[in-house]
Amino acid sequence: MTELKEKVQRAVEKILDPETGLTFGEMRLIKSVEEMEPGVMKIEFVPSSPFCPLVFRLALNIRRAAENVEGVKRAYVYCRGHTMEDSINRMVNRG
């Protein structure tokens, strides 16, 4: 695991789930973190429910946390297992 990947993993696992008060790490919501090219990260997560109403906000929080890590130029976040994952992934990763 690269140093940048480890830093991003730690950063996104510290995010708190507003409904439970637990971190994403404690809930094991982060499924993968990979460096696609230098400074470009891909993060996959699974919300606690396939109908989670906060999933878009959670995805944005993951992206922000990753992009705040020094050395990260861009983070792409992919939700898995949600009924609206395609729409969420398009909105979070555009621009």
PDB file of N, CA and C in Angstrom:
ATOM      1  N   MET A   1       0.854  -1.183   0.000  1.00  0.00           N
ATOM      2  CA  MET A   1       0.000   0.000   0.000  1.00  0.00           C
ATOM      3  C   MET A   1       0.893   1.237   0.000  1.00  0.00           C
ATOM      4  N   THR A   2       0.602   2.159  -0.909  1.00  0.00           N
ATOM      5  CA  THR A   2       1.401   3.375  -0.963  1.00  0.00           C
ATOM      6  C   THR A   2       1.093   4.269   0.229  1.00  0.00           C
ATOM      7  N   GLU A   3       2.012   5.167   0.506  1.00  0.00           N
ATOM      8  CA  GLU A   3       1.822   6.093   1.618  1.00  0.00           C
ATOM      9  C   GLU A   3       0.591   6.965   1.402  1.00  0.00           C
ATOM     10  N   LEU A   4       0.397   7.446   0.167  1.00  0.00           N
ATOM     11  CA  LEU A   4      -0.766   8.282  -0.121  1.00  0.00           C
ATOM     12  C   LEU A   4      -2.061   7.492   0.059  1.00  0.00           C
ATOM     13  N   LYS A   5      -2.076   6.268  -0.401  1.00  0.00           N
ATOM     14  CA  LYS A   5      -3.265   5.423  -0.245  1.00  0.00           C
ATOM     15  C   LYS A   5      -3.590   5.219   1.233  1.00  0.00           C
ATOM     16  N   GLU A   6      -2.570   4.986   2.047  1.00  0.00           N
ATOM     17  CA  GLU A   6      -2.781   4.815   3.489  1.00  0.00           C
ATOM     18  C   GLU A   6      -3.353   6.072   4.114  1.00  0.00           C
ATOM     19  N   LYS A   7      -2.827   7.239   3.718  1.00  0.00           N
ATOM     20  CA  LYS A   7      -3.313   8.513   4.264  1.00  0.00           C
ATOM     21  C   LYS A   7      -4.775   8.744   3.894  1.00  0.00           C
ATOM     22  N   VAL A   8      -5.114   8.454   2.644  1.00  0.00           N
ATOM     23  CA  VAL A   8      -6.496   8.628   2.203  1.00  0.00           C
ATOM     24  C   VAL A   8      -7.409   7.651   2.930  1.00  0.00           C
ATOM     25  N   GLN A   9      -6.980   6.412   3.059  1.00  0.00           N
ATOM     26  CA  GLN A   9      -7.775   5.398   3.775  1.00  0.00           C
ATOM     27  C   GLN A   9      -8.077   5.875   5.203  1.00  0.00           C
ATOM     28  N   ARG A  10      -7.049   6.348   5.893  1.00  0.00           N
ATOM     29  CA  ARG A  10      -7.249   6.839   7.271  1.00  0.00           C
ATOM     30  C   ARG A  10      -8.190   8.032   7.304  1.00  0.00           C
ATOM     31  N   ALA A  11      -8.036   8.948   6.358  1.00  0.00           N
ATOM     32  CA  ALA A  11      -8.877  10.157   6.333  1.00  0.00           C
ATOM     33  C   ALA A  11     -10.346   9.825   6.120  1.00  0.00           C
ATOM     34  N   VAL A  12     -10.642   8.964   5.160  1.00  0.00           N
ATOM     35  CA  VAL A  12     -12.050   8.666   4.873  1.00  0.00           C
ATOM     36  C   VAL A  12     -12.667   7.764   5.941  1.00  0.00           C
ATOM     37  N   GLU A  13     -11.858   6.956   6.596  1.00  0.00           N
ATOM     38  CA  GLU A  13     -12.396   6.106   7.660  1.00  0.00           C
ATOM     39  C   GLU A  13     -12.726   6.895   8.925  1.00  0.00           C
ATOM     40  N   LYS A  14     -12.246   8.126   9.032  1.00  0.00           N
ATOM     41  CA  LYS A  14     -12.539   8.973  10.197  1.00  0.00           C
ATOM     42  C   LYS A  14     -13.877   9.698  10.076  1.00  0.00           C
ATOM     43  N   ILE A  15     -14.469   9.697   8.886  1.00  0.00           N
ATOM     44  CA  ILE A  15     -15.749  10.402   8.679  1.00  0.00           C
ATOM     45  C   ILE A  15     -16.812   9.761   9.560  1.00  0.00           C
ATOM     46  N   LEU A  16     -17.609  10.614  10.201  1.00  0.00           N
ATOM     47  CA  LEU A  16     -18.674  10.116  11.069  1.00  0.00           C
ATOM     48  C   LEU A  16     -19.977   9.945  10.300  1.00  0.00           C
ATOM     49  N   ASP A  17     -20.641   8.833  10.542  1.00  0.00           N
ATOM     50  CA  ASP A  17     -21.976   8.620  10.022  1.00  0.00           C
ATOM     51  C   ASP A  17     -22.922   9.407  10.923  1.00  0.00           C
ATOM     52  N   PRO A  18     -23.687  10.367  10.382  1.00  0.00           N
ATOM     53  CA  PRO A  18     -24.527  11.215  11.227  1.00  0.00           C
ATOM     54  C   PRO A  18     -25.667  10.475  11.925  1.00  0.00           C
ATOM     55  N   GLU A  19     -26.080   9.358  11.383  1.00  0.00           N
ATOM     56  CA  GLU A  19     -27.190   8.630  12.002  1.00  0.00           C
ATOM     57  C   GLU A  19     -26.748   7.757  13.175  1.00  0.00           C
ATOM     58  N   THR A  20     -25.542   7.184  13.083  1.00  0.00           N
ATOM     59  CA  THR A  20     -25.106   6.257  14.136  1.00  0.00           C
ATOM     60  C   THR A  20     -24.061   6.856  15.071  1.00  0.00           C
ATOM     61  N   GLY A  21     -23.350   7.893  14.598  1.00  0.00           N
ATOM     62  CA  GLY A  21     -22.269   8.460  15.393  1.00  0.00           C
ATOM     63  C   GLY A  21     -20.988   7.639  15.318  1.00  0.00           C
ATOM     64  N   LEU A  22     -20.992   6.593  14.501  1.00  0.00           N
ATOM     65  CA  LEU A  22     -19.803   5.763  14.320  1.00  0.00           C
ATOM     66  C   LEU A  22     -19.025   6.249  13.100  1.00  0.00           C
ATOM     67  N   THR A  23     -17.737   5.941  13.066  1.00  0.00           N
ATOM     68  CA  THR A  23     -16.939   6.318  11.904  1.00  0.00           C
ATOM     69  C   THR A  23     -17.167   5.318  10.776  1.00  0.00           C
ATOM     70  N   PHE A  24     -16.811   5.758   9.567  1.00  0.00           N
ATOM     71  CA  PHE A  24     -16.920   4.858   8.421  1.00  0.00           C
ATOM     72  C   PHE A  24     -16.015   3.644   8.609  1.00  0.00           C
ATOM     73  N   GLY A  25     -14.886   3.846   9.264  1.00  0.00           N
ATOM     74  CA  GLY A  25     -13.987   2.734   9.556  1.00  0.00           C
ATOM     75  C   GLY A  25     -14.619   1.730  10.494  1.00  0.00           C
ATOM     76  N   GLU A  26     -15.255   2.225  11.559  1.00  0.00           N
ATOM     77  CA  GLU A  26     -15.917   1.333  12.513  1.00  0.00           C
ATOM     78  C   GLU A  26     -17.058   0.560  11.858  1.00  0.00           C
ATOM     79  N   MET A  27     -17.742   1.217  10.926  1.00  0.00           N
ATOM     80  CA  MET A  27     -18.870   0.572  10.252  1.00  0.00           C
ATOM     81  C   MET A  27     -18.436  -0.240   9.030  1.00  0.00           C
ATOM     82  N   ARG A  28     -17.157  -0.145   8.675  1.00  0.00           N
ATOM     83  CA  ARG A  28     -16.600  -0.853   7.510  1.00  0.00           C
ATOM     84  C   ARG A  28     -17.334  -0.498   6.207  1.00  0.00           C
ATOM     85  N   LEU A  29     -17.589   0.791   6.033  1.00  0.00           N
ATOM     86  CA  LEU A  29     -18.287   1.253   4.843  1.00  0.00           C
ATOM     87  C   LEU A  29     -17.348   1.454   3.661  1.00  0.00           C
ATOM     88  N   ILE A  30     -16.067   1.695   3.921  1.00  0.00           N
ATOM     89  CA  ILE A  30     -15.101   1.907   2.846  1.00  0.00           C
ATOM     90  C   ILE A  30     -14.635   0.532   2.363  1.00  0.00           C
ATOM     91  N   LYS A  31     -14.916   0.224   1.116  1.00  0.00           N
ATOM     92  CA  LYS A  31     -14.590  -1.098   0.574  1.00  0.00           C
ATOM     93  C   LYS A  31     -13.246  -1.131  -0.133  1.00  0.00           C
ATOM     94  N   SER A  32     -12.850  -0.021  -0.764  1.00  0.00           N
ATOM     95  CA  SER A  32     -11.543  -0.006  -1.408  1.00  0.00           C
ATOM     96  C   SER A  32     -11.067   1.421  -1.622  1.00  0.00           C
ATOM     97  N   VAL A  33      -9.756   1.562  -1.579  1.00  0.00           N
ATOM     98  CA  VAL A  33      -9.081   2.819  -1.895  1.00  0.00           C
ATOM     99  C   VAL A  33      -7.916   2.430  -2.788  1.00  0.00           C
ATOM    100  N   GLU A  34      -7.851   3.049  -3.958  1.00  0.00           N
ATOM    101  CA  GLU A  34      -6.719   2.747  -4.836  1.00  0.00           C
ATOM    102  C   GLU A  34      -6.251   4.016  -5.529  1.00  0.00           C
ATOM    103  N   GLU A  35      -4.968   4.049  -5.802  1.00  0.00           N
ATOM    104  CA  GLU A  35      -4.382   5.159  -6.530  1.00  0.00           C
ATOM    105  C   GLU A  35      -4.336   4.764  -8.003  1.00  0.00           C
ATOM    106  N   MET A  36      -5.185   5.402  -8.801  1.00  0.00           N
ATOM    107  CA  MET A  36      -5.309   5.060 -10.216  1.00  0.00           C
ATOM    108  C   MET A  36      -4.105   5.563 -11.019  1.00  0.00           C
ATOM    109  N   GLU A  37      -3.618   6.719 -10.652  1.00  0.00           N
ATOM    110  CA  GLU A  37      -2.406   7.318 -11.205  1.00  0.00           C
ATOM    111  C   GLU A  37      -1.914   8.272 -10.120  1.00  0.00           C
ATOM    112  N   PRO A  38      -0.714   8.794 -10.222  1.00  0.00           N
ATOM    113  CA  PRO A  38      -0.199   9.624  -9.136  1.00  0.00           C
ATOM    114  C   PRO A  38      -1.161  10.763  -8.753  1.00  0.00           C
ATOM    115  N   GLY A  39      -1.612  10.732  -7.510  1.00  0.00           N
ATOM    116  CA  GLY A  39      -2.481  11.776  -6.987  1.00  0.00           C
ATOM    117  C   GLY A  39      -3.950  11.641  -7.320  1.00  0.00           C
ATOM    118  N   VAL A  40      -4.334  10.609  -8.048  1.00  0.00           N
ATOM    119  CA  VAL A  40      -5.736  10.397  -8.425  1.00  0.00           C
ATOM    120  C   VAL A  40      -6.238   9.129  -7.741  1.00  0.00           C
ATOM    121  N   MET A  41      -7.215   9.311  -6.873  1.00  0.00           N
ATOM    122  CA  MET A  41      -7.697   8.213  -6.035  1.00  0.00           C
ATOM    123  C   MET A  41      -9.086   7.752  -6.473  1.00  0.00           C
ATOM    124  N   LYS A  42      -9.331   6.467  -6.297  1.00  0.00           N
ATOM    125  CA  LYS A  42     -10.648   5.868  -6.521  1.00  0.00           C
ATOM    126  C   LYS A  42     -11.059   5.219  -5.202  1.00  0.00           C
ATOM    127  N   ILE A  43     -12.226   5.613  -4.708  1.00  0.00           N
ATOM    128  CA  ILE A  43     -12.709   5.109  -3.423  1.00  0.00           C
ATOM    129  C   ILE A  43     -14.093   4.518  -3.626  1.00  0.00           C
ATOM    130  N   GLU A  44     -14.284   3.310  -3.148  1.00  0.00           N
ATOM    131  CA  GLU A  44     -15.590   2.659  -3.211  1.00  0.00           C
ATOM    132  C   GLU A  44     -16.122   2.490  -1.793  1.00  0.00           C
ATOM    133  N   PHE A  45     -17.409   2.781  -1.639  1.00  0.00           N
ATOM    134  CA  PHE A  45     -18.027   2.590  -0.330  1.00  0.00           C
ATOM    135  C   PHE A  45     -19.420   2.001  -0.492  1.00  0.00           C
ATOM    136  N   VAL A  46     -19.890   1.401   0.580  1.00  0.00           N
ATOM    137  CA  VAL A  46     -21.225   0.821   0.621  1.00  0.00           C
ATOM    138  C   VAL A  46     -21.971   1.480   1.769  1.00  0.00           C
ATOM    139  N   PRO A  47     -23.092   2.139   1.486  1.00  0.00           N
ATOM    140  CA  PRO A  47     -23.857   2.759   2.575  1.00  0.00           C
ATOM    141  C   PRO A  47     -24.452   1.687   3.485  1.00  0.00           C
ATOM    142  N   SER A  48     -24.846   2.092   4.669  1.00  0.00           N
ATOM    143  CA  SER A  48     -25.380   1.132   5.643  1.00  0.00           C
ATOM    144  C   SER A  48     -26.730   0.561   5.221  1.00  0.00           C
ATOM    145  N   SER A  49     -27.394   1.223   4.277  1.00  0.00           N
ATOM    146  CA  SER A  49     -28.683   0.747   3.780  1.00  0.00           C
ATOM    147  C   SER A  49     -28.766   1.016   2.277  1.00  0.00           C
ATOM    148  N   PRO A  50     -29.382   0.123   1.505  1.00  0.00           N
ATOM    149  CA  PRO A  50     -29.529   0.372   0.064  1.00  0.00           C
ATOM    150  C   PRO A  50     -30.482   1.529  -0.240  1.00  0.00           C
ATOM    151  N   PHE A  51     -31.145   2.052   0.792  1.00  0.00           N
ATOM    152  CA  PHE A  51     -32.084   3.169   0.633  1.00  0.00           C
ATOM    153  C   PHE A  51     -31.641   4.390   1.440  1.00  0.00           C
ATOM    154  N   CYS A  52     -30.401   4.420   1.888  1.00  0.00           N
ATOM    155  CA  CYS A  52     -29.884   5.492   2.737  1.00  0.00           C
ATOM    156  C   CYS A  52     -30.192   6.864   2.128  1.00  0.00           C
ATOM    157  N   PRO A  53     -30.940   7.715   2.855  1.00  0.00           N
ATOM    158  CA  PRO A  53     -31.299   9.017   2.299  1.00  0.00           C
ATOM    159  C   PRO A  53     -30.141  10.022   2.293  1.00  0.00           C
ATOM    160  N   LEU A  54     -29.077   9.724   3.019  1.00  0.00           N
ATOM    161  CA  LEU A  54     -27.944  10.645   3.129  1.00  0.00           C
ATOM    162  C   LEU A  54     -26.774  10.271   2.222  1.00  0.00           C
ATOM    163  N   VAL A  55     -26.965   9.310   1.345  1.00  0.00           N
ATOM    164  CA  VAL A  55     -25.854   8.742   0.592  1.00  0.00           C
ATOM    165  C   VAL A  55     -25.118   9.770  -0.278  1.00  0.00           C
ATOM    166  N   PHE A  56     -25.824  10.715  -0.875  1.00  0.00           N
ATOM    167  CA  PHE A  56     -25.155  11.722  -1.706  1.00  0.00           C
ATOM    168  C   PHE A  56     -24.233  12.571  -0.838  1.00  0.00           C
ATOM    169  N   ARG A  57     -24.725  12.997   0.303  1.00  0.00           N
ATOM    170  CA  ARG A  57     -23.899  13.797   1.227  1.00  0.00           C
ATOM    171  C   ARG A  57     -22.702  12.992   1.721  1.00  0.00           C
ATOM    172  N   LEU A  58     -22.910  11.728   2.013  1.00  0.00           N
ATOM    173  CA  LEU A  58     -21.810  10.874   2.471  1.00  0.00           C
ATOM    174  C   LEU A  58     -20.741  10.751   1.389  1.00  0.00           C
ATOM    175  N   ALA A  59     -21.169  10.564   0.150  1.00  0.00           N
ATOM    176  CA  ALA A  59     -20.222  10.454  -0.963  1.00  0.00           C
ATOM    177  C   ALA A  59     -19.417  11.744  -1.122  1.00  0.00           C
ATOM    178  N   LEU A  60     -20.079  12.884  -1.001  1.00  0.00           N
ATOM    179  CA  LEU A  60     -19.365  14.166  -1.082  1.00  0.00           C
ATOM    180  C   LEU A  60     -18.390  14.336   0.079  1.00  0.00           C
ATOM    181  N   ASN A  61     -18.781  13.887   1.262  1.00  0.00           N
ATOM    182  CA  ASN A  61     -17.884  13.960   2.421  1.00  0.00           C
ATOM    183  C   ASN A  61     -16.630  13.114   2.195  1.00  0.00           C
ATOM    184  N   ILE A  62     -16.809  11.957   1.592  1.00  0.00           N
ATOM    185  CA  ILE A  62     -15.663  11.092   1.291  1.00  0.00           C
ATOM    186  C   ILE A  62     -14.747  11.787   0.283  1.00  0.00           C
ATOM    187  N   ARG A  63     -15.336  12.341  -0.750  1.00  0.00           N
ATOM    188  CA  ARG A  63     -14.531  13.025  -1.771  1.00  0.00           C
ATOM    189  C   ARG A  63     -13.749  14.185  -1.153  1.00  0.00           C
ATOM    190  N   ARG A  64     -14.426  15.008  -0.342  1.00  0.00           N
ATOM    191  CA  ARG A  64     -13.761  16.151   0.300  1.00  0.00           C
ATOM    192  C   ARG A  64     -12.629  15.704   1.205  1.00  0.00           C
ATOM    193  N   ALA A  65     -12.889  14.685   2.013  1.00  0.00           N
ATOM    194  CA  ALA A  65     -11.862  14.201   2.942  1.00  0.00           C
ATOM    195  C   ALA A  65     -10.641  13.698   2.181  1.00  0.00           C
ATOM    196  N   ALA A  66     -10.876  12.986   1.095  1.00  0.00           N
ATOM    197  CA  ALA A  66      -9.765  12.459   0.297  1.00  0.00           C
ATOM    198  C   ALA A  66      -8.991  13.592  -0.364  1.00  0.00           C
ATOM    199  N   GLU A  67      -9.708  14.558  -0.924  1.00  0.00           N
ATOM    200  CA  GLU A  67      -9.042  15.642  -1.636  1.00  0.00           C
ATOM    201  C   GLU A  67      -8.337  16.617  -0.697  1.00  0.00           C
ATOM    202  N   ASN A  68      -8.637  16.545   0.593  1.00  0.00           N
ATOM    203  CA  ASN A  68      -7.931  17.370   1.582  1.00  0.00           C
ATOM    204  C   ASN A  68      -6.616  16.746   2.024  1.00  0.00           C
ATOM    205  N   VAL A  69      -6.359  15.527   1.607  1.00  0.00           N
ATOM    206  CA  VAL A  69      -5.090  14.869   1.937  1.00  0.00           C
ATOM    207  C   VAL A  69      -4.019  15.424   1.001  1.00  0.00           C
ATOM    208  N   GLU A  70      -2.915  15.859   1.586  1.00  0.00           N
ATOM    209  CA  GLU A  70      -1.828  16.412   0.789  1.00  0.00           C
ATOM    210  C   GLU A  70      -1.341  15.384  -0.223  1.00  0.00           C
ATOM    211  N   GLY A  71      -1.244  15.816  -1.470  1.00  0.00           N
ATOM    212  CA  GLY A  71      -0.788  14.934  -2.538  1.00  0.00           C
ATOM    213  C   GLY A  71      -1.909  14.408  -3.412  1.00  0.00           C
ATOM    214  N   VAL A  72      -3.154  14.567  -2.967  1.00  0.00           N
ATOM    215  CA  VAL A  72      -4.295  14.112  -3.762  1.00  0.00           C
ATOM    216  C   VAL A  72      -4.749  15.249  -4.671  1.00  0.00           C
ATOM    217  N   LYS A  73      -4.747  14.989  -5.966  1.00  0.00           N
ATOM    218  CA  LYS A  73      -5.188  15.974  -6.950  1.00  0.00           C
ATOM    219  C   LYS A  73      -6.686  15.845  -7.211  1.00  0.00           C
ATOM    220  N   ARG A  74      -7.166  14.588  -7.207  1.00  0.00           N
ATOM    221  CA  ARG A  74      -8.573  14.322  -7.522  1.00  0.00           C
ATOM    222  C   ARG A  74      -8.979  13.004  -6.898  1.00  0.00           C
ATOM    223  N   ALA A  75     -10.201  12.967  -6.406  1.00  0.00           N
ATOM    224  CA  ALA A  75     -10.729  11.725  -5.844  1.00  0.00           C
ATOM    225  C   ALA A  75     -12.054  11.407  -6.531  1.00  0.00           C
ATOM    226  N   TYR A  76     -12.182  10.185  -6.972  1.00  0.00           N
ATOM    227  CA  TYR A  76     -13.423   9.676  -7.550  1.00  0.00           C
ATOM    228  C   TYR A  76     -14.038   8.725  -6.529  1.00  0.00           C
ATOM    229  N   VAL A  77     -15.311   8.956  -6.229  1.00  0.00           N
ATOM    230  CA  VAL A  77     -15.993   8.172  -5.202  1.00  0.00           C
ATOM    231  C   VAL A  77     -17.134   7.407  -5.856  1.00  0.00           C
ATOM    232  N   TYR A  78     -17.173   6.117  -5.572  1.00  0.00           N
ATOM    233  CA  TYR A  78     -18.209   5.254  -6.143  1.00  0.00           C
ATOM    234  C   TYR A  78     -18.982   4.558  -5.038  1.00  0.00           C
ATOM    235  N   CYS A  79     -20.281   4.792  -5.056  1.00  0.00           N
ATOM    236  CA  CYS A  79     -21.202   4.143  -4.134  1.00  0.00           C
ATOM    237  C   CYS A  79     -21.564   2.789  -4.730  1.00  0.00           C
ATOM    238  N   ARG A  80     -21.622   1.777  -3.898  1.00  0.00           N
ATOM    239  CA  ARG A  80     -22.017   0.439  -4.329  1.00  0.00           C
ATOM    240  C   ARG A  80     -23.167  -0.050  -3.439  1.00  0.00           C
ATOM    241  N   GLY A  81     -24.135  -0.701  -4.033  1.00  0.00           N
ATOM    242  CA  GLY A  81     -25.205  -1.321  -3.252  1.00  0.00           C
ATOM    243  C   GLY A  81     -26.342  -0.401  -2.861  1.00  0.00           C
ATOM    244  N   HIS A  82     -26.463   0.754  -3.494  1.00  0.00           N
ATOM    245  CA  HIS A  82     -27.577   1.668  -3.220  1.00  0.00           C
ATOM    246  C   HIS A  82     -28.516   1.645  -4.422  1.00  0.00           C
ATOM    247  N   THR A  83     -29.781   1.831  -4.184  1.00  0.00           N
ATOM    248  CA  THR A  83     -30.749   1.772  -5.275  1.00  0.00           C
ATOM    249  C   THR A  83     -30.526   2.857  -6.327  1.00  0.00           C
ATOM    250  N   MET A  84     -29.865   3.954  -5.959  1.00  0.00           N
ATOM    251  CA  MET A  84     -29.616   5.050  -6.899  1.00  0.00           C
ATOM    252  C   MET A  84     -28.130   5.240  -7.182  1.00  0.00           C
ATOM    253  N   GLU A  85     -27.341   4.175  -7.070  1.00  0.00           N
ATOM    254  CA  GLU A  85     -25.889   4.323  -7.166  1.00  0.00           C
ATOM    255  C   GLU A  85     -25.422   4.933  -8.486  1.00  0.00           C
ATOM    256  N   ASP A  86     -26.030   4.604  -9.601  1.00  0.00           N
ATOM    257  CA  ASP A  86     -25.586   5.168 -10.881  1.00  0.00           C
ATOM    258  C   ASP A  86     -25.723   6.689 -10.898  1.00  0.00           C
ATOM    259  N   SER A  87     -26.859   7.190 -10.468  1.00  0.00           N
ATOM    260  CA  SER A  87     -27.087   8.638 -10.427  1.00  0.00           C
ATOM    261  C   SER A  87     -26.150   9.316  -9.442  1.00  0.00           C
ATOM    262  N   ILE A  88     -25.984   8.720  -8.298  1.00  0.00           N
ATOM    263  CA  ILE A  88     -25.104   9.280  -7.267  1.00  0.00           C
ATOM    264  C   ILE A  88     -23.675   9.355  -7.790  1.00  0.00           C
ATOM    265  N   ASN A  89     -23.203   8.284  -8.386  1.00  0.00           N
ATOM    266  CA  ASN A  89     -21.829   8.245  -8.898  1.00  0.00           C
ATOM    267  C   ASN A  89     -21.598   9.294  -9.988  1.00  0.00           C
ATOM    268  N   ARG A  90     -22.570   9.474 -10.868  1.00  0.00           N
ATOM    269  CA  ARG A  90     -22.438  10.503 -11.917  1.00  0.00           C
ATOM    270  C   ARG A  90     -22.358  11.897 -11.303  1.00  0.00           C
ATOM    271  N   MET A  91     -23.235  12.195 -10.345  1.00  0.00           N
ATOM    272  CA  MET A  91     -23.268  13.535  -9.748  1.00  0.00           C
ATOM    273  C   MET A  91     -22.020  13.834  -8.930  1.00  0.00           C
ATOM    274  N   VAL A  92     -21.555  12.879  -8.167  1.00  0.00           N
ATOM    275  CA  VAL A  92     -20.404  13.098  -7.295  1.00  0.00           C
ATOM    276  C   VAL A  92     -19.115  13.260  -8.097  1.00  0.00           C
ATOM    277  N   ASN A  93     -19.009  12.592  -9.210  1.00  0.00           N
ATOM    278  CA  ASN A  93     -17.748  12.560  -9.949  1.00  0.00           C
ATOM    279  C   ASN A  93     -17.694  13.490 -11.161  1.00  0.00           C
ATOM    280  N   ARG A  94     -18.713  14.261 -11.389  1.00  0.00           N
ATOM    281  CA  ARG A  94     -18.642  15.180 -12.536  1.00  0.00           C
ATOM    282  C   ARG A  94     -17.803  16.403 -12.168  1.00  0.00           C
ATOM    283  N   GLY A  95     -17.283  17.029 -13.187  1.00  0.00           N
ATOM    284  CA  GLY A  95     -16.531  18.265 -12.990  1.00  0.00           C
ATOM    285  C   GLY A  95     -15.124  18.118 -12.630  1.00  0.00           C
TER     286      GLY A  95
END
